């Protein structure tokens, strides 16, 4: 597993990737050509992946994201060291927090 700030990246064996993942909405790359895993609402900084690949997101605020890196890549952020990722599939999970009466995605 890999963690950068409030983003957890879990390797998934290709055979364990849920069917239908290829039909989920593909996330576009940002202006810098990165796949953005999470954007900081306060700072504007992004946890993003550099390298060839695709990022698909399930719907809803707690939906999982599925990252496929056919050649590997790097997770980058303006305030963290880069993390190299080997080629393969990953489930991307945003950290959640409890506030009285609700659960929400952590705001960065």
PDB file of N, CA and C in Angstrom:
ATOM      1  N   UNK A   1       0.833  -1.178   0.000  1.00  0.00           N
ATOM      2  CA  UNK A   1       0.000   0.000   0.000  1.00  0.00           C
ATOM      3  C   UNK A   1       0.877   1.240   0.000  1.00  0.00           C
ATOM      4  N   UNK A   2       0.307   2.299  -0.518  1.00  0.00           N
ATOM      5  CA  UNK A   2       1.009   3.572  -0.579  1.00  0.00           C
ATOM      6  C   UNK A   2       0.074   4.645  -0.025  1.00  0.00           C
ATOM      7  N   UNK A   3       0.631   5.602   0.688  1.00  0.00           N
ATOM      8  CA  UNK A   3      -0.177   6.706   1.204  1.00  0.00           C
ATOM      9  C   UNK A   3       0.573   8.001   0.961  1.00  0.00           C
ATOM     10  N   UNK A   4      -0.177   8.985   0.492  1.00  0.00           N
ATOM     11  CA  UNK A   4       0.370  10.331   0.363  1.00  0.00           C
ATOM     12  C   UNK A   4      -0.713  11.267   0.892  1.00  0.00           C
ATOM     13  N   UNK A   5      -0.463  11.852   2.052  1.00  0.00           N
ATOM     14  CA  UNK A   5      -1.462  12.717   2.668  1.00  0.00           C
ATOM     15  C   UNK A   5      -2.741  11.950   2.940  1.00  0.00           C
ATOM     16  N   UNK A   6      -3.877  12.451   2.451  1.00  0.00           N
ATOM     17  CA  UNK A   6      -5.171  11.825   2.705  1.00  0.00           C
ATOM     18  C   UNK A   6      -5.600  10.852   1.611  1.00  0.00           C
ATOM     19  N   UNK A   7      -4.644  10.405   0.790  1.00  0.00           N
ATOM     20  CA  UNK A   7      -4.934   9.474  -0.298  1.00  0.00           C
ATOM     21  C   UNK A   7      -4.221   8.145  -0.037  1.00  0.00           C
ATOM     22  N   UNK A   8      -4.994   7.053  -0.081  1.00  0.00           N
ATOM     23  CA  UNK A   8      -4.457   5.703   0.070  1.00  0.00           C
ATOM     24  C   UNK A   8      -4.535   5.022  -1.291  1.00  0.00           C
ATOM     25  N   UNK A   9      -3.432   4.391  -1.715  1.00  0.00           N
ATOM     26  CA  UNK A   9      -3.354   3.722  -3.012  1.00  0.00           C
ATOM     27  C   UNK A   9      -3.026   2.251  -2.757  1.00  0.00           C
ATOM     28  N   UNK A  10      -3.982   1.385  -3.093  1.00  0.00           N
ATOM     29  CA  UNK A  10      -3.869  -0.034  -2.772  1.00  0.00           C
ATOM     30  C   UNK A  10      -3.685  -0.841  -4.054  1.00  0.00           C
ATOM     31  N   UNK A  11      -2.578  -1.591  -4.185  1.00  0.00           N
ATOM     32  CA  UNK A  11      -2.414  -2.442  -5.365  1.00  0.00           C
ATOM     33  C   UNK A  11      -3.519  -3.504  -5.423  1.00  0.00           C
ATOM     34  N   UNK A  12      -3.994  -3.795  -6.636  1.00  0.00           N
ATOM     35  CA  UNK A  12      -5.046  -4.784  -6.835  1.00  0.00           C
ATOM     36  C   UNK A  12      -4.599  -5.712  -7.954  1.00  0.00           C
ATOM     37  N   UNK A  13      -4.671  -7.015  -7.704  1.00  0.00           N
ATOM     38  CA  UNK A  13      -4.342  -7.982  -8.757  1.00  0.00           C
ATOM     39  C   UNK A  13      -5.320  -7.798  -9.909  1.00  0.00           C
ATOM     40  N   UNK A  14      -4.850  -7.945 -11.132  1.00  0.00           N
ATOM     41  CA  UNK A  14      -5.691  -7.714 -12.305  1.00  0.00           C
ATOM     42  C   UNK A  14      -6.974  -8.535 -12.256  1.00  0.00           C
ATOM     43  N   UNK A  15      -6.888  -9.755 -11.784  1.00  0.00           N
ATOM     44  CA  UNK A  15      -8.070 -10.613 -11.695  1.00  0.00           C
ATOM     45  C   UNK A  15      -9.069 -10.173 -10.640  1.00  0.00           C
ATOM     46  N   UNK A  16      -8.653  -9.301  -9.728  1.00  0.00           N
ATOM     47  CA  UNK A  16      -9.532  -8.830  -8.659  1.00  0.00           C
ATOM     48  C   UNK A  16     -10.180  -7.480  -8.972  1.00  0.00           C
ATOM     49  N   UNK A  17      -9.849  -6.889 -10.112  1.00  0.00           N
ATOM     50  CA  UNK A  17     -10.473  -5.626 -10.516  1.00  0.00           C
ATOM     51  C   UNK A  17     -11.930  -5.932 -10.868  1.00  0.00           C
ATOM     52  N   UNK A  18     -12.885  -5.203 -10.269  1.00  0.00           N
ATOM     53  CA  UNK A  18     -14.306  -5.509 -10.524  1.00  0.00           C
ATOM     54  C   UNK A  18     -14.667  -5.404 -12.001  1.00  0.00           C
ATOM     55  N   UNK A  19     -15.519  -6.316 -12.448  1.00  0.00           N
ATOM     56  CA  UNK A  19     -15.988  -6.221 -13.832  1.00  0.00           C
ATOM     57  C   UNK A  19     -16.798  -4.934 -13.958  1.00  0.00           C
ATOM     58  N   UNK A  20     -16.741  -4.322 -15.103  1.00  0.00           N
ATOM     59  CA  UNK A  20     -17.439  -3.067 -15.317  1.00  0.00           C
ATOM     60  C   UNK A  20     -16.581  -1.847 -15.053  1.00  0.00           C
ATOM     61  N   UNK A  21     -15.405  -2.056 -14.500  1.00  0.00           N
ATOM     62  CA  UNK A  21     -14.513  -0.924 -14.232  1.00  0.00           C
ATOM     63  C   UNK A  21     -14.168  -0.203 -15.528  1.00  0.00           C
ATOM     64  N   UNK A  22     -14.075  -0.950 -16.606  1.00  0.00           N
ATOM     65  CA  UNK A  22     -13.749  -0.340 -17.899  1.00  0.00           C
ATOM     66  C   UNK A  22     -14.888   0.527 -18.445  1.00  0.00           C
ATOM     67  N   UNK A  23     -16.090   0.423 -17.852  1.00  0.00           N
ATOM     68  CA  UNK A  23     -17.225   1.234 -18.290  1.00  0.00           C
ATOM     69  C   UNK A  23     -17.467   2.451 -17.391  1.00  0.00           C
ATOM     70  N   UNK A  24     -16.661   2.606 -16.347  1.00  0.00           N
ATOM     71  CA  UNK A  24     -16.794   3.778 -15.472  1.00  0.00           C
ATOM     72  C   UNK A  24     -16.288   5.025 -16.193  1.00  0.00           C
ATOM     73  N   UNK A  25     -16.768   6.204 -15.782  1.00  0.00           N
ATOM     74  CA  UNK A  25     -16.282   7.441 -16.406  1.00  0.00           C
ATOM     75  C   UNK A  25     -14.769   7.615 -16.215  1.00  0.00           C
ATOM     76  N   UNK A  26     -14.079   7.862 -17.321  1.00  0.00           N
ATOM     77  CA  UNK A  26     -12.630   8.103 -17.283  1.00  0.00           C
ATOM     78  C   UNK A  26     -12.373   9.567 -16.922  1.00  0.00           C
ATOM     79  N   UNK A  27     -11.475   9.787 -15.997  1.00  0.00           N
ATOM     80  CA  UNK A  27     -11.144  11.141 -15.583  1.00  0.00           C
ATOM     81  C   UNK A  27     -10.163  11.755 -16.577  1.00  0.00           C
ATOM     82  N   UNK A  28     -10.406  12.999 -16.975  1.00  0.00           N
ATOM     83  CA  UNK A  28      -9.469  13.655 -17.891  1.00  0.00           C
ATOM     84  C   UNK A  28      -8.196  14.069 -17.157  1.00  0.00           C
ATOM     85  N   UNK A  29      -7.156  14.288 -17.902  1.00  0.00           N
ATOM     86  CA  UNK A  29      -5.911  14.797 -17.321  1.00  0.00           C
ATOM     87  C   UNK A  29      -6.054  16.304 -17.113  1.00  0.00           C
ATOM     88  N   UNK A  30      -5.318  16.827 -16.140  1.00  0.00           N
ATOM     89  CA  UNK A  30      -5.365  18.269 -15.890  1.00  0.00           C
ATOM     90  C   UNK A  30      -4.492  18.999 -16.908  1.00  0.00           C
ATOM     91  N   UNK A  31      -4.378  20.301 -16.761  1.00  0.00           N
ATOM     92  CA  UNK A  31      -3.623  21.131 -17.716  1.00  0.00           C
ATOM     93  C   UNK A  31      -2.144  20.760 -17.764  1.00  0.00           C
ATOM     94  N   UNK A  32      -1.651  20.094 -16.706  1.00  0.00           N
ATOM     95  CA  UNK A  32      -0.246  19.670 -16.664  1.00  0.00           C
ATOM     96  C   UNK A  32      -0.063  18.236 -17.159  1.00  0.00           C
ATOM     97  N   UNK A  33      -1.149  17.612 -17.623  1.00  0.00           N
ATOM     98  CA  UNK A  33      -1.067  16.250 -18.145  1.00  0.00           C
ATOM     99  C   UNK A  33      -1.088  15.174 -17.080  1.00  0.00           C
ATOM    100  N   UNK A  34      -1.522  15.511 -15.866  1.00  0.00           N
ATOM    101  CA  UNK A  34      -1.542  14.563 -14.744  1.00  0.00           C
ATOM    102  C   UNK A  34      -2.936  13.986 -14.533  1.00  0.00           C
ATOM    103  N   UNK A  35      -2.993  12.800 -13.938  1.00  0.00           N
ATOM    104  CA  UNK A  35      -4.252  12.220 -13.476  1.00  0.00           C
ATOM    105  C   UNK A  35      -4.413  12.634 -12.019  1.00  0.00           C
ATOM    106  N   UNK A  36      -5.385  13.471 -11.718  1.00  0.00           N
ATOM    107  CA  UNK A  36      -5.554  14.011 -10.368  1.00  0.00           C
ATOM    108  C   UNK A  36      -6.354  13.037  -9.516  1.00  0.00           C
ATOM    109  N   UNK A  37      -5.715  12.543  -8.442  1.00  0.00           N
ATOM    110  CA  UNK A  37      -6.378  11.637  -7.506  1.00  0.00           C
ATOM    111  C   UNK A  37      -7.213  12.412  -6.508  1.00  0.00           C
ATOM    112  N   UNK A  38      -6.705  13.553  -6.053  1.00  0.00           N
ATOM    113  CA  UNK A  38      -7.420  14.406  -5.089  1.00  0.00           C
ATOM    114  C   UNK A  38      -6.883  15.819  -5.224  1.00  0.00           C
ATOM    115  N   UNK A  39      -7.799  16.763  -5.198  1.00  0.00           N
ATOM    116  CA  UNK A  39      -7.438  18.176  -5.306  1.00  0.00           C
ATOM    117  C   UNK A  39      -7.697  18.839  -3.967  1.00  0.00           C
ATOM    118  N   UNK A  40      -6.712  19.565  -3.460  1.00  0.00           N
ATOM    119  CA  UNK A  40      -6.858  20.261  -2.184  1.00  0.00           C
ATOM    120  C   UNK A  40      -7.817  21.423  -2.312  1.00  0.00           C
ATOM    121  N   UNK A  41      -8.925  21.351  -1.579  1.00  0.00           N
ATOM    122  CA  UNK A  41      -9.938  22.401  -1.648  1.00  0.00           C
ATOM    123  C   UNK A  41      -9.417  23.714  -1.072  1.00  0.00           C
ATOM    124  N   UNK A  42      -8.537  23.632  -0.097  1.00  0.00           N
ATOM    125  CA  UNK A  42      -8.023  24.831   0.569  1.00  0.00           C
ATOM    126  C   UNK A  42      -6.789  25.365  -0.145  1.00  0.00           C
ATOM    127  N   UNK A  43      -5.836  24.482  -0.463  1.00  0.00           N
ATOM    128  CA  UNK A  43      -4.551  24.919  -1.016  1.00  0.00           C
ATOM    129  C   UNK A  43      -4.502  24.935  -2.538  1.00  0.00           C
ATOM    130  N   UNK A  44      -5.359  24.140  -3.184  1.00  0.00           N
ATOM    131  CA  UNK A  44      -5.291  24.007  -4.637  1.00  0.00           C
ATOM    132  C   UNK A  44      -4.223  23.032  -5.089  1.00  0.00           C
ATOM    133  N   UNK A  45      -3.470  22.474  -4.137  1.00  0.00           N
ATOM    134  CA  UNK A  45      -2.469  21.462  -4.483  1.00  0.00           C
ATOM    135  C   UNK A  45      -3.159  20.155  -4.843  1.00  0.00           C
ATOM    136  N   UNK A  46      -2.482  19.319  -5.619  1.00  0.00           N
ATOM    137  CA  UNK A  46      -3.103  18.081  -6.078  1.00  0.00           C
ATOM    138  C   UNK A  46      -2.218  16.876  -5.807  1.00  0.00           C
ATOM    139  N   UNK A  47      -2.856  15.782  -5.384  1.00  0.00           N
ATOM    140  CA  UNK A  47      -2.222  14.468  -5.379  1.00  0.00           C
ATOM    141  C   UNK A  47      -2.499  13.945  -6.778  1.00  0.00           C
ATOM    142  N   UNK A  48      -1.468  13.733  -7.570  1.00  0.00           N
ATOM    143  CA  UNK A  48      -1.667  13.394  -8.974  1.00  0.00           C
ATOM    144  C   UNK A  48      -0.661  12.346  -9.424  1.00  0.00           C
ATOM    145  N   UNK A  49      -1.006  11.651 -10.504  1.00  0.00           N
ATOM    146  CA  UNK A  49      -0.126  10.627 -11.066  1.00  0.00           C
ATOM    147  C   UNK A  49       0.437  11.128 -12.391  1.00  0.00           C
ATOM    148  N   UNK A  50       1.738  10.981 -12.528  1.00  0.00           N
ATOM    149  CA  UNK A  50       2.447  11.326 -13.753  1.00  0.00           C
ATOM    150  C   UNK A  50       2.825  10.017 -14.434  1.00  0.00           C
ATOM    151  N   UNK A  51       2.513   9.911 -15.702  1.00  0.00           N
ATOM    152  CA  UNK A  51       2.834   8.707 -16.458  1.00  0.00           C
ATOM    153  C   UNK A  51       1.615   8.223 -17.207  1.00  0.00           C
ATOM    154  N   UNK A  52       1.822   7.309 -18.154  1.00  0.00           N
ATOM    155  CA  UNK A  52       0.682   6.798 -18.928  1.00  0.00           C
ATOM    156  C   UNK A  52      -0.245   5.970 -18.050  1.00  0.00           C
ATOM    157  N   UNK A  53      -1.525   6.079 -18.322  1.00  0.00           N
ATOM    158  CA  UNK A  53      -2.484   5.301 -17.558  1.00  0.00           C
ATOM    159  C   UNK A  53      -3.864   5.906 -17.626  1.00  0.00           C
ATOM    160  N   UNK A  54      -4.794   5.308 -16.870  1.00  0.00           N
ATOM    161  CA  UNK A  54      -6.165   5.783 -16.817  1.00  0.00           C
ATOM    162  C   UNK A  54      -6.634   5.810 -15.374  1.00  0.00           C
ATOM    163  N   UNK A  55      -7.610   6.686 -15.126  1.00  0.00           N
ATOM    164  CA  UNK A  55      -8.224   6.802 -13.809  1.00  0.00           C
ATOM    165  C   UNK A  55      -9.732   6.832 -14.020  1.00  0.00           C
ATOM    166  N   UNK A  56     -10.429   5.874 -13.416  1.00  0.00           N
ATOM    167  CA  UNK A  56     -11.886   5.808 -13.513  1.00  0.00           C
ATOM    168  C   UNK A  56     -12.458   5.934 -12.110  1.00  0.00           C
ATOM    169  N   UNK A  57     -13.559   6.675 -11.981  1.00  0.00           N
ATOM    170  CA  UNK A  57     -14.177   6.899 -10.672  1.00  0.00           C
ATOM    171  C   UNK A  57     -15.601   6.359 -10.642  1.00  0.00           C
ATOM    172  N   UNK A  58     -15.913   5.665  -9.531  1.00  0.00           N
ATOM    173  CA  UNK A  58     -17.291   5.278  -9.275  1.00  0.00           C
ATOM    174  C   UNK A  58     -18.043   6.542  -8.852  1.00  0.00           C
ATOM    175  N   UNK A  59     -19.343   6.564  -9.048  1.00  0.00           N
ATOM    176  CA  UNK A  59     -20.125   7.747  -8.708  1.00  0.00           C
ATOM    177  C   UNK A  59     -20.300   7.872  -7.197  1.00  0.00           C
ATOM    178  N   UNK A  60     -20.615   9.072  -6.762  1.00  0.00           N
ATOM    179  CA  UNK A  60     -20.867   9.336  -5.345  1.00  0.00           C
ATOM    180  C   UNK A  60     -19.621   9.824  -4.630  1.00  0.00           C
ATOM    181  N   UNK A  61     -19.814  10.515  -3.507  1.00  0.00           N
ATOM    182  CA  UNK A  61     -18.682  11.104  -2.799  1.00  0.00           C
ATOM    183  C   UNK A  61     -17.720  10.070  -2.206  1.00  0.00           C
ATOM    184  N   UNK A  62     -18.205   8.852  -1.964  1.00  0.00           N
ATOM    185  CA  UNK A  62     -17.342   7.827  -1.375  1.00  0.00           C
ATOM    186  C   UNK A  62     -16.999   6.723  -2.371  1.00  0.00           C
ATOM    187  N   UNK A  63     -17.301   6.949  -3.643  1.00  0.00           N
ATOM    188  CA  UNK A  63     -17.001   5.957  -4.668  1.00  0.00           C
ATOM    189  C   UNK A  63     -15.496   5.779  -4.833  1.00  0.00           C
ATOM    190  N   UNK A  64     -15.100   4.555  -5.079  1.00  0.00           N
ATOM    191  CA  UNK A  64     -13.675   4.257  -5.271  1.00  0.00           C
ATOM    192  C   UNK A  64     -13.207   4.749  -6.633  1.00  0.00           C
ATOM    193  N   UNK A  65     -11.928   4.974  -6.728  1.00  0.00           N
ATOM    194  CA  UNK A  65     -11.295   5.286  -8.006  1.00  0.00           C
ATOM    195  C   UNK A  65     -10.385   4.117  -8.359  1.00  0.00           C
ATOM    196  N   UNK A  66     -10.313   3.818  -9.643  1.00  0.00           N
ATOM    197  CA  UNK A  66      -9.500   2.707 -10.136  1.00  0.00           C
ATOM    198  C   UNK A  66      -8.443   3.263 -11.073  1.00  0.00           C
ATOM    199  N   UNK A  67      -7.199   3.057 -10.709  1.00  0.00           N
ATOM    200  CA  UNK A  67      -6.057   3.574 -11.452  1.00  0.00           C
ATOM    201  C   UNK A  67      -5.354   2.421 -12.150  1.00  0.00           C
ATOM    202  N   UNK A  68      -5.141   2.546 -13.458  1.00  0.00           N
ATOM    203  CA  UNK A  68      -4.397   1.531 -14.194  1.00  0.00           C
ATOM    204  C   UNK A  68      -3.146   2.181 -14.771  1.00  0.00           C
ATOM    205  N   UNK A  69      -1.989   1.641 -14.402  1.00  0.00           N
ATOM    206  CA  UNK A  69      -0.703   2.146 -14.880  1.00  0.00           C
ATOM    207  C   UNK A  69       0.007   1.038 -15.652  1.00  0.00           C
ATOM    208  N   UNK A  70      -0.109   1.020 -16.982  1.00  0.00           N
ATOM    209  CA  UNK A  70       0.493  -0.058 -17.760  1.00  0.00           C
ATOM    210  C   UNK A  70       2.019  -0.056 -17.734  1.00  0.00           C
ATOM    211  N   UNK A  71       2.627   1.092 -17.460  1.00  0.00           N
ATOM    212  CA  UNK A  71       4.089   1.180 -17.418  1.00  0.00           C
ATOM    213  C   UNK A  71       4.610   1.699 -16.085  1.00  0.00           C
ATOM    214  N   UNK A  72       3.754   1.801 -15.091  1.00  0.00           N
ATOM    215  CA  UNK A  72       4.139   2.407 -13.819  1.00  0.00           C
ATOM    216  C   UNK A  72       3.982   3.917 -13.894  1.00  0.00           C
ATOM    217  N   UNK A  73       4.238   4.585 -12.795  1.00  0.00           N
ATOM    218  CA  UNK A  73       4.106   6.035 -12.753  1.00  0.00           C
ATOM    219  C   UNK A  73       4.614   6.573 -11.428  1.00  0.00           C
ATOM    220  N   UNK A  74       4.359   7.851 -11.189  1.00  0.00           N
ATOM    221  CA  UNK A  74       4.764   8.491  -9.931  1.00  0.00           C
ATOM    222  C   UNK A  74       3.598   9.311  -9.399  1.00  0.00           C
ATOM    223  N   UNK A  75       3.377   9.228  -8.076  1.00  0.00           N
ATOM    224  CA  UNK A  75       2.400  10.092  -7.423  1.00  0.00           C
ATOM    225  C   UNK A  75       3.160  11.328  -6.966  1.00  0.00           C
ATOM    226  N   UNK A  76       2.676  12.500  -7.352  1.00  0.00           N
ATOM    227  CA  UNK A  76       3.348  13.751  -7.018  1.00  0.00           C
ATOM    228  C   UNK A  76       2.394  14.674  -6.269  1.00  0.00           C
ATOM    229  N   UNK A  77       2.970  15.591  -5.500  1.00  0.00           N
ATOM    230  CA  UNK A  77       2.232  16.608  -4.760  1.00  0.00           C
ATOM    231  C   UNK A  77       3.215  17.718  -4.427  1.00  0.00           C
ATOM    232  N   UNK A  78       2.726  18.931  -4.388  1.00  0.00           N
ATOM    233  CA  UNK A  78       3.596  20.078  -4.144  1.00  0.00           C
ATOM    234  C   UNK A  78       4.278  20.060  -2.778  1.00  0.00           C
ATOM    235  N   UNK A  79       3.703  19.365  -1.791  1.00  0.00           N
ATOM    236  CA  UNK A  79       4.257  19.376  -0.433  1.00  0.00           C
ATOM    237  C   UNK A  79       4.744  18.017   0.061  1.00  0.00           C
ATOM    238  N   UNK A  80       4.763  17.011  -0.809  1.00  0.00           N
ATOM    239  CA  UNK A  80       5.184  15.662  -0.411  1.00  0.00           C
ATOM    240  C   UNK A  80       6.231  15.141  -1.390  1.00  0.00           C
ATOM    241  N   UNK A  81       7.016  14.184  -0.927  1.00  0.00           N
ATOM    242  CA  UNK A  81       7.966  13.523  -1.827  1.00  0.00           C
ATOM    243  C   UNK A  81       7.187  12.661  -2.821  1.00  0.00           C
ATOM    244  N   UNK A  82       7.716  12.532  -4.028  1.00  0.00           N
ATOM    245  CA  UNK A  82       7.081  11.691  -5.052  1.00  0.00           C
ATOM    246  C   UNK A  82       7.166  10.227  -4.639  1.00  0.00           C
ATOM    247  N   UNK A  83       6.165   9.463  -5.030  1.00  0.00           N
ATOM    248  CA  UNK A  83       6.114   8.031  -4.728  1.00  0.00           C
ATOM    249  C   UNK A  83       6.081   7.270  -6.048  1.00  0.00           C
ATOM    250  N   UNK A  84       7.092   6.435  -6.324  1.00  0.00           N
ATOM    251  CA  UNK A  84       7.039   5.629  -7.547  1.00  0.00           C
ATOM    252  C   UNK A  84       6.045   4.469  -7.386  1.00  0.00           C
ATOM    253  N   UNK A  85       5.270   4.209  -8.425  1.00  0.00           N
ATOM    254  CA  UNK A  85       4.326   3.094  -8.426  1.00  0.00           C
ATOM    255  C   UNK A  85       4.685   2.139  -9.556  1.00  0.00           C
ATOM    256  N   UNK A  86       4.791   0.852  -9.256  1.00  0.00           N
ATOM    257  CA  UNK A  86       5.042  -0.117 -10.321  1.00  0.00           C
ATOM    258  C   UNK A  86       3.812  -0.259 -11.220  1.00  0.00           C
ATOM    259  N   UNK A  87       3.996  -0.838 -12.387  1.00  0.00           N
ATOM    260  CA  UNK A  87       2.867  -1.031 -13.300  1.00  0.00           C
ATOM    261  C   UNK A  87       1.832  -1.929 -12.637  1.00  0.00           C
ATOM    262  N   UNK A  88       0.575  -1.700 -13.012  1.00  0.00           N
ATOM    263  CA  UNK A  88      -0.506  -2.522 -12.469  1.00  0.00           C
ATOM    264  C   UNK A  88      -1.761  -1.726 -12.201  1.00  0.00           C
ATOM    265  N   UNK A  89      -2.682  -2.344 -11.451  1.00  0.00           N
ATOM    266  CA  UNK A  89      -3.959  -1.765 -11.066  1.00  0.00           C
ATOM    267  C   UNK A  89      -3.914  -1.340  -9.607  1.00  0.00           C
ATOM    268  N   UNK A  90      -4.651  -0.250  -9.300  1.00  0.00           N
ATOM    269  CA  UNK A  90      -4.713   0.274  -7.937  1.00  0.00           C
ATOM    270  C   UNK A  90      -6.125   0.766  -7.633  1.00  0.00           C
ATOM    271  N   UNK A  91      -6.522   0.598  -6.384  1.00  0.00           N
ATOM    272  CA  UNK A  91      -7.755   1.216  -5.883  1.00  0.00           C
ATOM    273  C   UNK A  91      -7.321   2.434  -5.097  1.00  0.00           C
ATOM    274  N   UNK A  92      -7.905   3.584  -5.407  1.00  0.00           N
ATOM    275  CA  UNK A  92      -7.550   4.833  -4.748  1.00  0.00           C
ATOM    276  C   UNK A  92      -8.682   5.189  -3.779  1.00  0.00           C
ATOM    277  N   UNK A  93      -8.321   5.400  -2.511  1.00  0.00           N
ATOM    278  CA  UNK A  93      -9.302   5.675  -1.465  1.00  0.00           C
ATOM    279  C   UNK A  93      -8.966   7.002  -0.810  1.00  0.00           C
ATOM    280  N   UNK A  94      -9.954   7.882  -0.709  1.00  0.00           N
ATOM    281  CA  UNK A  94      -9.777   9.143   0.009  1.00  0.00           C
ATOM    282  C   UNK A  94     -10.070   8.911   1.486  1.00  0.00           C
ATOM    283  N   UNK A  95      -9.262   9.489   2.348  1.00  0.00           N
ATOM    284  CA  UNK A  95      -9.476   9.389   3.786  1.00  0.00           C
ATOM    285  C   UNK A  95     -10.790  10.069   4.141  1.00  0.00           C
ATOM    286  N   UNK A  96     -11.499   9.473   5.098  1.00  0.00           N
ATOM    287  CA  UNK A  96     -12.770  10.015   5.562  1.00  0.00           C
ATOM    288  C   UNK A  96     -12.641  10.389   7.026  1.00  0.00           C
ATOM    289  N   UNK A  97     -13.526  11.265   7.472  1.00  0.00           N
ATOM    290  CA  UNK A  97     -13.539  11.645   8.876  1.00  0.00           C
ATOM    291  C   UNK A  97     -14.983  11.728   9.358  1.00  0.00           C
ATOM    292  N   UNK A  98     -15.135  11.486  10.638  1.00  0.00           N
ATOM    293  CA  UNK A  98     -16.459  11.565  11.244  1.00  0.00           C
ATOM    294  C   UNK A  98     -16.631  12.938  11.871  1.00  0.00           C
ATOM    295  N   UNK A  99     -17.749  13.541  11.605  1.00  0.00           N
ATOM    296  CA  UNK A  99     -18.172  14.752  12.301  1.00  0.00           C
ATOM    297  C   UNK A  99     -19.549  14.424  12.863  1.00  0.00           C
ATOM    298  N   UNK A 100     -19.939  15.004  13.963  1.00  0.00           N
ATOM    299  CA  UNK A 100     -21.229  14.620  14.559  1.00  0.00           C
ATOM    300  C   UNK A 100     -22.361  14.577  13.530  1.00  0.00           C
ATOM    301  N   UNK A 101     -22.915  13.380  13.382  1.00  0.00           N
ATOM    302  CA  UNK A 101     -24.039  13.180  12.488  1.00  0.00           C
ATOM    303  C   UNK A 101     -23.691  12.894  11.044  1.00  0.00           C
ATOM    304  N   UNK A 102     -22.403  12.826  10.690  1.00  0.00           N
ATOM    305  CA  UNK A 102     -22.056  12.612   9.284  1.00  0.00           C
ATOM    306  C   UNK A 102     -20.638  12.069   9.128  1.00  0.00           C
ATOM    307  N   UNK A 103     -20.397  11.515   7.955  1.00  0.00           N
ATOM    308  CA  UNK A 103     -19.059  11.107   7.541  1.00  0.00           C
ATOM    309  C   UNK A 103     -18.754  11.899   6.286  1.00  0.00           C
ATOM    310  N   UNK A 104     -17.535  12.420   6.178  1.00  0.00           N
ATOM    311  CA  UNK A 104     -17.191  13.195   4.993  1.00  0.00           C
ATOM    312  C   UNK A 104     -15.765  12.895   4.561  1.00  0.00           C
ATOM    313  N   UNK A 105     -15.468  13.213   3.313  1.00  0.00           N
ATOM    314  CA  UNK A 105     -14.115  13.084   2.787  1.00  0.00           C
ATOM    315  C   UNK A 105     -13.293  14.203   3.417  1.00  0.00           C
ATOM    316  N   UNK A 106     -12.078  13.891   3.818  1.00  0.00           N
ATOM    317  CA  UNK A 106     -11.199  14.886   4.435  1.00  0.00           C
ATOM    318  C   UNK A 106     -10.927  16.008   3.463  1.00  0.00           C
ATOM    319  N   UNK A 107     -11.052  17.257   3.925  1.00  0.00           N
ATOM    320  CA  UNK A 107     -10.726  18.423   3.112  1.00  0.00           C
ATOM    321  C   UNK A 107      -9.261  18.744   3.317  1.00  0.00           C
ATOM    322  N   UNK A 108      -8.546  18.947   2.226  1.00  0.00           N
ATOM    323  CA  UNK A 108      -7.098  19.209   2.278  1.00  0.00           C
ATOM    324  C   UNK A 108      -6.858  20.693   2.174  1.00  0.00           C
TER     325      UNK A 108
END
